[in-house]
Protein backbone atom coordinates (compact mmCIF):
# COMPACT_ATOMS: atom_id res chain seq x y z
CA UNK A 1 0.00 0.00 0.00
CA UNK A 2 1.26 3.49 -0.84
CA UNK A 3 2.19 5.87 1.96
CA UNK A 4 -0.75 8.20 1.33
CA UNK A 5 -3.31 5.42 1.60
CA UNK A 6 -1.58 3.87 4.61
CA UNK A 7 -1.56 7.17 6.49
CA UNK A 8 -5.22 7.89 5.77
CA UNK A 9 -6.22 4.38 6.86
CA UNK A 10 -4.17 4.64 10.05
CA UNK A 11 -5.60 8.05 10.93
CA UNK A 12 -9.11 6.77 10.27
CA UNK A 13 -8.47 3.83 12.61
CA UNK A 14 -7.27 6.32 15.24
CA UNK A 15 -10.53 8.35 15.02
CA UNK A 16 -8.90 11.03 12.88
CA UNK A 17 -6.54 12.35 15.54
CA UNK A 18 -3.05 10.99 16.39
CA UNK A 19 0.63 11.73 16.84
CA UNK A 20 3.21 10.61 14.31
CA UNK A 21 4.47 7.71 16.49
CA UNK A 22 0.87 6.53 16.88
CA UNK A 23 0.33 6.67 13.11
CA UNK A 24 3.50 4.65 12.45
CA UNK A 25 2.53 2.11 15.09
CA UNK A 26 -0.95 1.68 13.59
CA UNK A 27 0.47 1.27 10.07
CA UNK A 28 2.74 -1.49 11.36
CA UNK A 29 0.03 -3.18 13.43
CA UNK A 30 -2.42 -3.32 10.53
CA UNK A 31 0.35 -4.05 8.01
CA UNK A 32 -0.83 -1.20 5.78
CA UNK A 33 2.75 -0.76 4.63
CA UNK A 34 5.89 -2.77 5.16
CA UNK A 35 8.69 -0.42 6.12
CA UNK A 36 10.62 -2.95 8.16
CA UNK A 37 13.69 -2.54 5.97
CA UNK A 38 13.44 1.22 5.86
CA UNK A 39 15.70 3.15 8.19
CA UNK A 40 13.72 6.38 7.84
CA UNK A 41 9.97 5.67 8.21
CA UNK A 42 9.59 8.75 10.42
CA UNK A 43 11.12 10.95 7.72
CA UNK A 44 8.86 9.44 5.06
CA UNK A 45 5.78 9.90 7.23
CA UNK A 46 6.66 13.51 7.92
CA UNK A 47 7.18 14.20 4.22
CA UNK A 48 3.82 12.78 3.18
CA UNK A 49 1.93 14.51 6.00
CA UNK A 50 3.43 17.91 5.21
CA UNK A 51 3.56 17.68 1.40
CA UNK A 52 1.32 15.07 -0.19
CA UNK A 53 -1.51 15.28 2.38
CA UNK A 54 -1.39 18.98 3.23
CA UNK A 55 -4.97 19.49 1.96
CA UNK A 56 -6.36 16.55 3.92
CA UNK A 57 -4.70 16.87 7.33
CA UNK A 58 -3.75 19.64 9.76
CA UNK A 59 -1.23 19.58 12.61
CA UNK A 60 -2.44 20.71 16.02
CA UNK A 61 0.30 20.83 18.65
CA UNK A 62 1.99 17.41 18.24
CA UNK A 63 -0.95 15.64 16.63
CA UNK A 64 -2.46 15.33 13.16
CA UNK A 65 -6.16 15.81 12.44
CA UNK A 66 -7.88 14.20 9.46
CA UNK A 67 -9.94 17.03 7.94
CA UNK A 68 -12.91 14.90 7.02
CA UNK A 69 -13.40 14.61 10.77
CA UNK A 70 -12.23 17.99 12.17
CA UNK A 71 -14.38 17.67 15.28
CA UNK A 72 -12.31 14.89 16.84
CA UNK A 73 -9.86 17.09 18.72
CA UNK A 74 -12.66 19.38 19.81
CA UNK A 75 -14.69 16.50 21.20
CA UNK A 76 -11.74 15.03 23.09
CA UNK A 77 -10.24 18.20 24.52
CA UNK A 78 -11.66 21.57 23.52
CA UNK A 79 -15.22 20.75 24.55
CA UNK A 80 -14.02 20.33 28.13
CA UNK A 81 -12.18 23.64 28.11
CA UNK A 82 -15.04 25.56 26.48
CA UNK A 83 -16.95 25.59 29.78
CA UNK A 84 -14.45 27.78 31.65
CA UNK A 85 -13.29 31.32 31.01
CA UNK A 86 -9.61 30.43 31.32
CA UNK A 87 -10.14 27.46 29.03
CA UNK A 88 -11.71 29.63 26.33
CA UNK A 89 -8.85 32.12 26.54
CA UNK A 90 -6.41 29.22 26.09
CA UNK A 91 -8.38 27.82 23.14
CA UNK A 92 -8.49 31.22 21.45
CA UNK A 93 -4.69 31.46 21.60
CA UNK A 94 -3.99 27.84 20.64
CA UNK A 95 -6.33 27.84 17.66
CA UNK A 96 -5.54 31.35 16.40
CA UNK A 97 -4.25 30.08 13.06
CA UNK A 98 -6.18 26.86 12.72
CA UNK A 99 -8.79 26.02 10.11
CA UNK A 100 -12.25 27.65 10.39
CA UNK A 101 -13.99 24.26 10.73
CA UNK A 102 -12.31 23.56 14.06
CA UNK A 103 -12.83 27.07 15.43
CA UNK A 104 -16.48 26.96 14.37
CA UNK A 105 -16.96 23.71 16.26
CA UNK A 106 -15.46 25.25 19.40
CA UNK A 107 -17.69 28.29 18.94
CA UNK A 108 -20.75 26.05 18.89
CA UNK A 109 -19.73 24.43 22.17
CA UNK A 110 -19.22 27.84 23.77
CA UNK A 111 -22.57 29.16 22.55
CA UNK A 112 -24.37 26.13 24.00
CA UNK A 113 -22.28 25.46 27.12
CA UNK A 114 -21.87 26.60 30.70
CA UNK A 115 -20.22 29.90 29.75
CA UNK A 116 -23.16 30.77 27.50
CA UNK A 117 -25.52 30.06 30.39
CA UNK A 118 -23.54 32.51 32.52
CA UNK A 119 -23.62 35.15 29.79
CA UNK A 120 -27.39 34.74 29.41
CA UNK A 121 -27.87 35.10 33.15
CA UNK A 122 -25.74 38.27 33.27
CA UNK A 123 -27.84 39.70 30.43
CA UNK A 124 -30.99 38.81 32.40
CA UNK A 125 -32.01 36.58 29.46
CA UNK A 126 -32.73 39.66 27.33
CA UNK A 127 -32.16 40.14 23.63
CA UNK A 128 -29.65 42.99 23.44
CA UNK A 129 -30.70 43.87 19.89
CA UNK A 130 -34.31 44.24 21.02
CA UNK A 131 -33.16 46.57 23.80
CA UNK A 132 -31.26 48.70 21.28
CA UNK A 133 -34.45 48.90 19.18
CA UNK A 134 -36.68 49.70 22.18
CA UNK A 135 -38.57 46.43 21.78
CA UNK A 136 -39.67 43.85 24.34
CA UNK A 137 -36.36 42.01 25.00
CA UNK A 138 -37.92 38.80 26.30
CA UNK A 139 -38.85 35.71 24.31
CA UNK A 140 -41.03 32.82 25.49
CA UNK A 141 -40.47 31.28 28.92
CA UNK A 142 -38.92 27.81 29.12
CA UNK A 143 -40.04 25.01 31.44
CA UNK A 144 -37.42 26.02 34.02
CA UNK A 145 -38.89 29.54 34.22
CA UNK A 146 -36.09 31.33 32.33
CA UNK A 147 -36.90 33.34 29.19
CA UNK A 148 -35.45 31.71 26.07
CA UNK A 149 -32.45 33.53 24.58
CA UNK A 150 -29.51 32.48 22.41
CA UNK A 151 -25.79 33.30 22.48
CA UNK A 152 -24.12 34.74 19.39
CA UNK A 153 -20.47 35.41 18.53
CA UNK A 154 -20.52 38.88 17.00
CA UNK A 155 -17.34 38.62 14.94
CA UNK A 156 -17.44 35.34 13.04
CA UNK A 157 -14.92 32.75 14.17
CA UNK A 158 -14.11 32.03 10.52
CA UNK A 159 -12.25 35.37 10.38
CA UNK A 160 -9.52 33.71 12.50
CA UNK A 161 -9.02 37.00 14.36
CA UNK A 162 -7.53 36.79 17.83
CA UNK A 163 -10.27 37.18 20.44
CA UNK A 164 -13.25 36.03 18.38
CA UNK A 165 -13.76 33.03 20.65
CA UNK A 166 -13.63 35.22 23.77
CA UNK A 167 -16.55 35.89 26.08
CA UNK A 168 -16.55 39.60 25.26
CA UNK A 169 -17.40 38.74 21.65
CA UNK A 170 -20.70 37.13 22.72
CA UNK A 171 -24.08 38.85 22.93
CA UNK A 172 -27.51 37.44 23.78
CA UNK A 173 -30.22 37.62 21.15
CA UNK A 174 -33.73 36.34 20.50
CA UNK A 175 -34.12 33.65 17.81
CA UNK A 176 -35.41 36.16 15.26
CA UNK A 177 -32.49 38.56 15.65
CA UNK A 178 -30.03 35.67 15.77
CA UNK A 179 -31.16 34.61 12.29
CA UNK A 180 -31.13 38.21 11.11
CA UNK A 181 -27.53 38.66 12.24
CA UNK A 182 -26.54 35.61 10.20
CA UNK A 183 -28.75 35.94 7.14
CA UNK A 184 -30.25 39.44 7.07
CA UNK A 185 -29.02 42.91 6.22
CA UNK A 186 -26.78 43.21 9.25
CA UNK A 187 -23.26 44.63 9.52
CA UNK A 188 -20.96 45.09 12.48
CA UNK A 189 -20.11 48.74 11.90
CA UNK A 190 -17.71 49.34 14.83
CA UNK A 191 -16.98 48.40 18.41
CA UNK A 192 -15.45 49.85 21.57
CA UNK A 193 -14.55 48.33 24.92
CA UNK A 194 -18.14 48.80 26.07
CA UNK A 195 -20.39 48.26 23.05
CA UNK A 196 -20.86 47.06 19.47
CA UNK A 197 -22.29 49.31 16.78
CA UNK A 198 -24.46 47.44 14.29
CA UNK A 199 -26.17 48.60 11.14
CA UNK A 200 -29.34 46.55 10.74
CA UNK A 201 -31.67 47.28 7.83
CA UNK A 202 -29.84 50.56 7.34
CA UNK A 203 -30.25 51.73 10.95
CA UNK A 204 -27.24 52.08 13.24
CA UNK A 205 -27.54 51.09 16.90
CA UNK A 206 -25.27 50.51 19.86
CA UNK A 207 -25.46 47.17 21.66
CA UNK A 208 -23.95 46.90 25.11
CA UNK A 209 -21.18 44.35 25.55
CA UNK A 210 -21.35 41.70 28.26
CA UNK A 211 -18.08 41.86 30.12
CA UNK A 212 -16.83 38.86 32.08
CA UNK A 213 -13.41 39.01 33.67
CA UNK A 214 -10.96 36.13 34.02
CA UNK A 215 -11.56 35.75 37.76
CA UNK A 216 -15.35 35.49 37.50
C-alpha atoms as a PDB file:
ATOM      1  CA  UNK A   1       0.000   0.000   0.000  1.00  0.00           C
ATOM      2  CA  UNK A   2       1.256   3.485  -0.845  1.00  0.00           C
ATOM      3  CA  UNK A   3       2.194   5.871   1.964  1.00  0.00           C
ATOM      4  CA  UNK A   4      -0.747   8.198   1.335  1.00  0.00           C
ATOM      5  CA  UNK A   5      -3.313   5.422   1.600  1.00  0.00           C
ATOM      6  CA  UNK A   6      -1.583   3.869   4.607  1.00  0.00           C
ATOM      7  CA  UNK A   7      -1.556   7.167   6.494  1.00  0.00           C
ATOM      8  CA  UNK A   8      -5.215   7.891   5.773  1.00  0.00           C
ATOM      9  CA  UNK A   9      -6.222   4.383   6.856  1.00  0.00           C
ATOM     10  CA  UNK A  10      -4.174   4.636  10.048  1.00  0.00           C
ATOM     11  CA  UNK A  11      -5.599   8.046  10.934  1.00  0.00           C
ATOM     12  CA  UNK A  12      -9.106   6.769  10.272  1.00  0.00           C
ATOM     13  CA  UNK A  13      -8.474   3.833  12.614  1.00  0.00           C
ATOM     14  CA  UNK A  14      -7.275   6.317  15.237  1.00  0.00           C
ATOM     15  CA  UNK A  15     -10.530   8.348  15.020  1.00  0.00           C
ATOM     16  CA  UNK A  16      -8.902  11.031  12.882  1.00  0.00           C
ATOM     17  CA  UNK A  17      -6.537  12.355  15.539  1.00  0.00           C
ATOM     18  CA  UNK A  18      -3.055  10.992  16.388  1.00  0.00           C
ATOM     19  CA  UNK A  19       0.627  11.726  16.845  1.00  0.00           C
ATOM     20  CA  UNK A  20       3.212  10.610  14.308  1.00  0.00           C
ATOM     21  CA  UNK A  21       4.470   7.709  16.490  1.00  0.00           C
ATOM     22  CA  UNK A  22       0.865   6.531  16.885  1.00  0.00           C
ATOM     23  CA  UNK A  23       0.329   6.669  13.113  1.00  0.00           C
ATOM     24  CA  UNK A  24       3.501   4.655  12.449  1.00  0.00           C
ATOM     25  CA  UNK A  25       2.531   2.107  15.092  1.00  0.00           C
ATOM     26  CA  UNK A  26      -0.946   1.680  13.593  1.00  0.00           C
ATOM     27  CA  UNK A  27       0.467   1.271  10.073  1.00  0.00           C
ATOM     28  CA  UNK A  28       2.738  -1.493  11.360  1.00  0.00           C
ATOM     29  CA  UNK A  29       0.027  -3.175  13.432  1.00  0.00           C
ATOM     30  CA  UNK A  30      -2.422  -3.321  10.528  1.00  0.00           C
ATOM     31  CA  UNK A  31       0.348  -4.046   8.014  1.00  0.00           C
ATOM     32  CA  UNK A  32      -0.833  -1.205   5.779  1.00  0.00           C
ATOM     33  CA  UNK A  33       2.750  -0.756   4.629  1.00  0.00           C
ATOM     34  CA  UNK A  34       5.894  -2.771   5.161  1.00  0.00           C
ATOM     35  CA  UNK A  35       8.686  -0.418   6.125  1.00  0.00           C
ATOM     36  CA  UNK A  36      10.624  -2.953   8.160  1.00  0.00           C
ATOM     37  CA  UNK A  37      13.692  -2.541   5.969  1.00  0.00           C
ATOM     38  CA  UNK A  38      13.438   1.216   5.858  1.00  0.00           C
ATOM     39  CA  UNK A  39      15.695   3.151   8.194  1.00  0.00           C
ATOM     40  CA  UNK A  40      13.722   6.382   7.839  1.00  0.00           C
ATOM     41  CA  UNK A  41       9.970   5.669   8.208  1.00  0.00           C
ATOM     42  CA  UNK A  42       9.595   8.752  10.422  1.00  0.00           C
ATOM     43  CA  UNK A  43      11.118  10.951   7.719  1.00  0.00           C
ATOM     44  CA  UNK A  44       8.862   9.444   5.064  1.00  0.00           C
ATOM     45  CA  UNK A  45       5.781   9.901   7.231  1.00  0.00           C
ATOM     46  CA  UNK A  46       6.658  13.510   7.922  1.00  0.00           C
ATOM     47  CA  UNK A  47       7.178  14.204   4.225  1.00  0.00           C
ATOM     48  CA  UNK A  48       3.816  12.785   3.180  1.00  0.00           C
ATOM     49  CA  UNK A  49       1.929  14.508   5.996  1.00  0.00           C
ATOM     50  CA  UNK A  50       3.431  17.908   5.206  1.00  0.00           C
ATOM     51  CA  UNK A  51       3.564  17.682   1.397  1.00  0.00           C
ATOM     52  CA  UNK A  52       1.316  15.072  -0.188  1.00  0.00           C
ATOM     53  CA  UNK A  53      -1.506  15.279   2.376  1.00  0.00           C
ATOM     54  CA  UNK A  54      -1.394  18.983   3.226  1.00  0.00           C
ATOM     55  CA  UNK A  55      -4.966  19.489   1.959  1.00  0.00           C
ATOM     56  CA  UNK A  56      -6.359  16.550   3.922  1.00  0.00           C
ATOM     57  CA  UNK A  57      -4.696  16.870   7.330  1.00  0.00           C
ATOM     58  CA  UNK A  58      -3.749  19.635   9.761  1.00  0.00           C
ATOM     59  CA  UNK A  59      -1.231  19.581  12.607  1.00  0.00           C
ATOM     60  CA  UNK A  60      -2.439  20.715  16.025  1.00  0.00           C
ATOM     61  CA  UNK A  61       0.304  20.826  18.653  1.00  0.00           C
ATOM     62  CA  UNK A  62       1.993  17.415  18.239  1.00  0.00           C
ATOM     63  CA  UNK A  63      -0.949  15.636  16.633  1.00  0.00           C
ATOM     64  CA  UNK A  64      -2.465  15.332  13.161  1.00  0.00           C
ATOM     65  CA  UNK A  65      -6.161  15.814  12.441  1.00  0.00           C
ATOM     66  CA  UNK A  66      -7.878  14.203   9.460  1.00  0.00           C
ATOM     67  CA  UNK A  67      -9.938  17.028   7.945  1.00  0.00           C
ATOM     68  CA  UNK A  68     -12.914  14.900   7.023  1.00  0.00           C
ATOM     69  CA  UNK A  69     -13.398  14.613  10.773  1.00  0.00           C
ATOM     70  CA  UNK A  70     -12.225  17.989  12.173  1.00  0.00           C
ATOM     71  CA  UNK A  71     -14.380  17.674  15.281  1.00  0.00           C
ATOM     72  CA  UNK A  72     -12.309  14.887  16.843  1.00  0.00           C
ATOM     73  CA  UNK A  73      -9.864  17.086  18.721  1.00  0.00           C
ATOM     74  CA  UNK A  74     -12.657  19.384  19.808  1.00  0.00           C
ATOM     75  CA  UNK A  75     -14.689  16.502  21.204  1.00  0.00           C
ATOM     76  CA  UNK A  76     -11.744  15.035  23.091  1.00  0.00           C
ATOM     77  CA  UNK A  77     -10.243  18.200  24.517  1.00  0.00           C
ATOM     78  CA  UNK A  78     -11.664  21.567  23.515  1.00  0.00           C
ATOM     79  CA  UNK A  79     -15.218  20.747  24.554  1.00  0.00           C
ATOM     80  CA  UNK A  80     -14.024  20.326  28.134  1.00  0.00           C
ATOM     81  CA  UNK A  81     -12.177  23.639  28.110  1.00  0.00           C
ATOM     82  CA  UNK A  82     -15.043  25.556  26.480  1.00  0.00           C
ATOM     83  CA  UNK A  83     -16.953  25.592  29.775  1.00  0.00           C
ATOM     84  CA  UNK A  84     -14.448  27.777  31.652  1.00  0.00           C
ATOM     85  CA  UNK A  85     -13.289  31.319  31.005  1.00  0.00           C
ATOM     86  CA  UNK A  86      -9.607  30.431  31.321  1.00  0.00           C
ATOM     87  CA  UNK A  87     -10.137  27.461  29.033  1.00  0.00           C
ATOM     88  CA  UNK A  88     -11.710  29.630  26.331  1.00  0.00           C
ATOM     89  CA  UNK A  89      -8.846  32.118  26.541  1.00  0.00           C
ATOM     90  CA  UNK A  90      -6.415  29.217  26.085  1.00  0.00           C
ATOM     91  CA  UNK A  91      -8.383  27.821  23.143  1.00  0.00           C
ATOM     92  CA  UNK A  92      -8.490  31.221  21.451  1.00  0.00           C
ATOM     93  CA  UNK A  93      -4.693  31.463  21.605  1.00  0.00           C
ATOM     94  CA  UNK A  94      -3.990  27.840  20.645  1.00  0.00           C
ATOM     95  CA  UNK A  95      -6.335  27.845  17.665  1.00  0.00           C
ATOM     96  CA  UNK A  96      -5.539  31.352  16.400  1.00  0.00           C
ATOM     97  CA  UNK A  97      -4.251  30.084  13.055  1.00  0.00           C
ATOM     98  CA  UNK A  98      -6.184  26.862  12.718  1.00  0.00           C
ATOM     99  CA  UNK A  99      -8.795  26.023  10.114  1.00  0.00           C
ATOM    100  CA  UNK A 100     -12.246  27.650  10.394  1.00  0.00           C
ATOM    101  CA  UNK A 101     -13.992  24.262  10.729  1.00  0.00           C
ATOM    102  CA  UNK A 102     -12.307  23.562  14.058  1.00  0.00           C
ATOM    103  CA  UNK A 103     -12.828  27.069  15.431  1.00  0.00           C
ATOM    104  CA  UNK A 104     -16.479  26.957  14.369  1.00  0.00           C
ATOM    105  CA  UNK A 105     -16.958  23.711  16.264  1.00  0.00           C
ATOM    106  CA  UNK A 106     -15.463  25.254  19.404  1.00  0.00           C
ATOM    107  CA  UNK A 107     -17.694  28.295  18.939  1.00  0.00           C
ATOM    108  CA  UNK A 108     -20.750  26.048  18.886  1.00  0.00           C
ATOM    109  CA  UNK A 109     -19.734  24.433  22.167  1.00  0.00           C
ATOM    110  CA  UNK A 110     -19.222  27.840  23.774  1.00  0.00           C
ATOM    111  CA  UNK A 111     -22.572  29.163  22.545  1.00  0.00           C
ATOM    112  CA  UNK A 112     -24.366  26.134  24.004  1.00  0.00           C
ATOM    113  CA  UNK A 113     -22.284  25.458  27.117  1.00  0.00           C
ATOM    114  CA  UNK A 114     -21.866  26.597  30.705  1.00  0.00           C
ATOM    115  CA  UNK A 115     -20.222  29.898  29.754  1.00  0.00           C
ATOM    116  CA  UNK A 116     -23.159  30.774  27.497  1.00  0.00           C
ATOM    117  CA  UNK A 117     -25.521  30.064  30.391  1.00  0.00           C
ATOM    118  CA  UNK A 118     -23.544  32.509  32.524  1.00  0.00           C
ATOM    119  CA  UNK A 119     -23.620  35.154  29.786  1.00  0.00           C
ATOM    120  CA  UNK A 120     -27.387  34.741  29.412  1.00  0.00           C
ATOM    121  CA  UNK A 121     -27.873  35.103  33.148  1.00  0.00           C
ATOM    122  CA  UNK A 122     -25.739  38.274  33.266  1.00  0.00           C
ATOM    123  CA  UNK A 123     -27.842  39.702  30.433  1.00  0.00           C
ATOM    124  CA  UNK A 124     -30.992  38.807  32.402  1.00  0.00           C
ATOM    125  CA  UNK A 125     -32.014  36.576  29.461  1.00  0.00           C
ATOM    126  CA  UNK A 126     -32.725  39.655  27.329  1.00  0.00           C
ATOM    127  CA  UNK A 127     -32.159  40.140  23.625  1.00  0.00           C
ATOM    128  CA  UNK A 128     -29.650  42.988  23.438  1.00  0.00           C
ATOM    129  CA  UNK A 129     -30.702  43.872  19.891  1.00  0.00           C
ATOM    130  CA  UNK A 130     -34.313  44.242  21.021  1.00  0.00           C
ATOM    131  CA  UNK A 131     -33.162  46.575  23.800  1.00  0.00           C
ATOM    132  CA  UNK A 132     -31.265  48.705  21.278  1.00  0.00           C
ATOM    133  CA  UNK A 133     -34.448  48.896  19.183  1.00  0.00           C
ATOM    134  CA  UNK A 134     -36.675  49.700  22.185  1.00  0.00           C
ATOM    135  CA  UNK A 135     -38.570  46.428  21.776  1.00  0.00           C
ATOM    136  CA  UNK A 136     -39.669  43.853  24.336  1.00  0.00           C
ATOM    137  CA  UNK A 137     -36.361  42.014  25.000  1.00  0.00           C
ATOM    138  CA  UNK A 138     -37.924  38.796  26.295  1.00  0.00           C
ATOM    139  CA  UNK A 139     -38.848  35.712  24.310  1.00  0.00           C
ATOM    140  CA  UNK A 140     -41.027  32.817  25.488  1.00  0.00           C
ATOM    141  CA  UNK A 141     -40.474  31.278  28.922  1.00  0.00           C
ATOM    142  CA  UNK A 142     -38.918  27.806  29.125  1.00  0.00           C
ATOM    143  CA  UNK A 143     -40.036  25.007  31.436  1.00  0.00           C
ATOM    144  CA  UNK A 144     -37.421  26.020  34.019  1.00  0.00           C
ATOM    145  CA  UNK A 145     -38.892  29.541  34.219  1.00  0.00           C
ATOM    146  CA  UNK A 146     -36.086  31.328  32.328  1.00  0.00           C
ATOM    147  CA  UNK A 147     -36.904  33.336  29.193  1.00  0.00           C
ATOM    148  CA  UNK A 148     -35.447  31.713  26.072  1.00  0.00           C
ATOM    149  CA  UNK A 149     -32.450  33.530  24.576  1.00  0.00           C
ATOM    150  CA  UNK A 150     -29.507  32.484  22.405  1.00  0.00           C
ATOM    151  CA  UNK A 151     -25.789  33.300  22.484  1.00  0.00           C
ATOM    152  CA  UNK A 152     -24.122  34.742  19.395  1.00  0.00           C
ATOM    153  CA  UNK A 153     -20.468  35.409  18.529  1.00  0.00           C
ATOM    154  CA  UNK A 154     -20.515  38.879  17.003  1.00  0.00           C
ATOM    155  CA  UNK A 155     -17.335  38.623  14.939  1.00  0.00           C
ATOM    156  CA  UNK A 156     -17.444  35.344  13.037  1.00  0.00           C
ATOM    157  CA  UNK A 157     -14.922  32.750  14.169  1.00  0.00           C
ATOM    158  CA  UNK A 158     -14.111  32.028  10.521  1.00  0.00           C
ATOM    159  CA  UNK A 159     -12.249  35.367  10.385  1.00  0.00           C
ATOM    160  CA  UNK A 160      -9.516  33.715  12.499  1.00  0.00           C
ATOM    161  CA  UNK A 161      -9.022  37.003  14.359  1.00  0.00           C
ATOM    162  CA  UNK A 162      -7.535  36.794  17.834  1.00  0.00           C
ATOM    163  CA  UNK A 163     -10.267  37.175  20.440  1.00  0.00           C
ATOM    164  CA  UNK A 164     -13.247  36.033  18.375  1.00  0.00           C
ATOM    165  CA  UNK A 165     -13.764  33.034  20.651  1.00  0.00           C
ATOM    166  CA  UNK A 166     -13.627  35.217  23.766  1.00  0.00           C
ATOM    167  CA  UNK A 167     -16.550  35.889  26.078  1.00  0.00           C
ATOM    168  CA  UNK A 168     -16.552  39.596  25.257  1.00  0.00           C
ATOM    169  CA  UNK A 169     -17.396  38.736  21.647  1.00  0.00           C
ATOM    170  CA  UNK A 170     -20.703  37.127  22.721  1.00  0.00           C
ATOM    171  CA  UNK A 171     -24.084  38.850  22.934  1.00  0.00           C
ATOM    172  CA  UNK A 172     -27.509  37.438  23.784  1.00  0.00           C
ATOM    173  CA  UNK A 173     -30.218  37.618  21.150  1.00  0.00           C
ATOM    174  CA  UNK A 174     -33.727  36.342  20.504  1.00  0.00           C
ATOM    175  CA  UNK A 175     -34.119  33.647  17.805  1.00  0.00           C
ATOM    176  CA  UNK A 176     -35.409  36.161  15.262  1.00  0.00           C
ATOM    177  CA  UNK A 177     -32.494  38.558  15.650  1.00  0.00           C
ATOM    178  CA  UNK A 178     -30.029  35.671  15.767  1.00  0.00           C
ATOM    179  CA  UNK A 179     -31.164  34.608  12.289  1.00  0.00           C
ATOM    180  CA  UNK A 180     -31.130  38.214  11.112  1.00  0.00           C
ATOM    181  CA  UNK A 181     -27.527  38.661  12.244  1.00  0.00           C
ATOM    182  CA  UNK A 182     -26.540  35.606  10.202  1.00  0.00           C
ATOM    183  CA  UNK A 183     -28.746  35.942   7.136  1.00  0.00           C
ATOM    184  CA  UNK A 184     -30.247  39.437   7.067  1.00  0.00           C
ATOM    185  CA  UNK A 185     -29.020  42.910   6.225  1.00  0.00           C
ATOM    186  CA  UNK A 186     -26.781  43.209   9.246  1.00  0.00           C
ATOM    187  CA  UNK A 187     -23.262  44.631   9.516  1.00  0.00           C
ATOM    188  CA  UNK A 188     -20.957  45.092  12.484  1.00  0.00           C
ATOM    189  CA  UNK A 189     -20.107  48.742  11.904  1.00  0.00           C
ATOM    190  CA  UNK A 190     -17.713  49.343  14.829  1.00  0.00           C
ATOM    191  CA  UNK A 191     -16.976  48.400  18.411  1.00  0.00           C
ATOM    192  CA  UNK A 192     -15.451  49.845  21.569  1.00  0.00           C
ATOM    193  CA  UNK A 193     -14.547  48.327  24.920  1.00  0.00           C
ATOM    194  CA  UNK A 194     -18.140  48.797  26.068  1.00  0.00           C
ATOM    195  CA  UNK A 195     -20.390  48.256  23.048  1.00  0.00           C
ATOM    196  CA  UNK A 196     -20.856  47.060  19.470  1.00  0.00           C
ATOM    197  CA  UNK A 197     -22.287  49.315  16.781  1.00  0.00           C
ATOM    198  CA  UNK A 198     -24.458  47.435  14.287  1.00  0.00           C
ATOM    199  CA  UNK A 199     -26.168  48.597  11.143  1.00  0.00           C
ATOM    200  CA  UNK A 200     -29.337  46.555  10.735  1.00  0.00           C
ATOM    201  CA  UNK A 201     -31.672  47.276   7.827  1.00  0.00           C
ATOM    202  CA  UNK A 202     -29.843  50.561   7.339  1.00  0.00           C
ATOM    203  CA  UNK A 203     -30.254  51.727  10.949  1.00  0.00           C
ATOM    204  CA  UNK A 204     -27.236  52.084  13.243  1.00  0.00           C
ATOM    205  CA  UNK A 205     -27.544  51.093  16.896  1.00  0.00           C
ATOM    206  CA  UNK A 206     -25.266  50.513  19.859  1.00  0.00           C
ATOM    207  CA  UNK A 207     -25.458  47.174  21.659  1.00  0.00           C
ATOM    208  CA  UNK A 208     -23.953  46.897  25.109  1.00  0.00           C
ATOM    209  CA  UNK A 209     -21.177  44.348  25.551  1.00  0.00           C
ATOM    210  CA  UNK A 210     -21.352  41.705  28.258  1.00  0.00           C
ATOM    211  CA  UNK A 211     -18.084  41.857  30.124  1.00  0.00           C
ATOM    212  CA  UNK A 212     -16.826  38.861  32.079  1.00  0.00           C
ATOM    213  CA  UNK A 213     -13.414  39.015  33.667  1.00  0.00           C
ATOM    214  CA  UNK A 214     -10.960  36.131  34.022  1.00  0.00           C
ATOM    215  CA  UNK A 215     -11.555  35.748  37.762  1.00  0.00           C
ATOM    216  CA  UNK A 216     -15.355  35.492  37.504  1.00  0.00           C
END
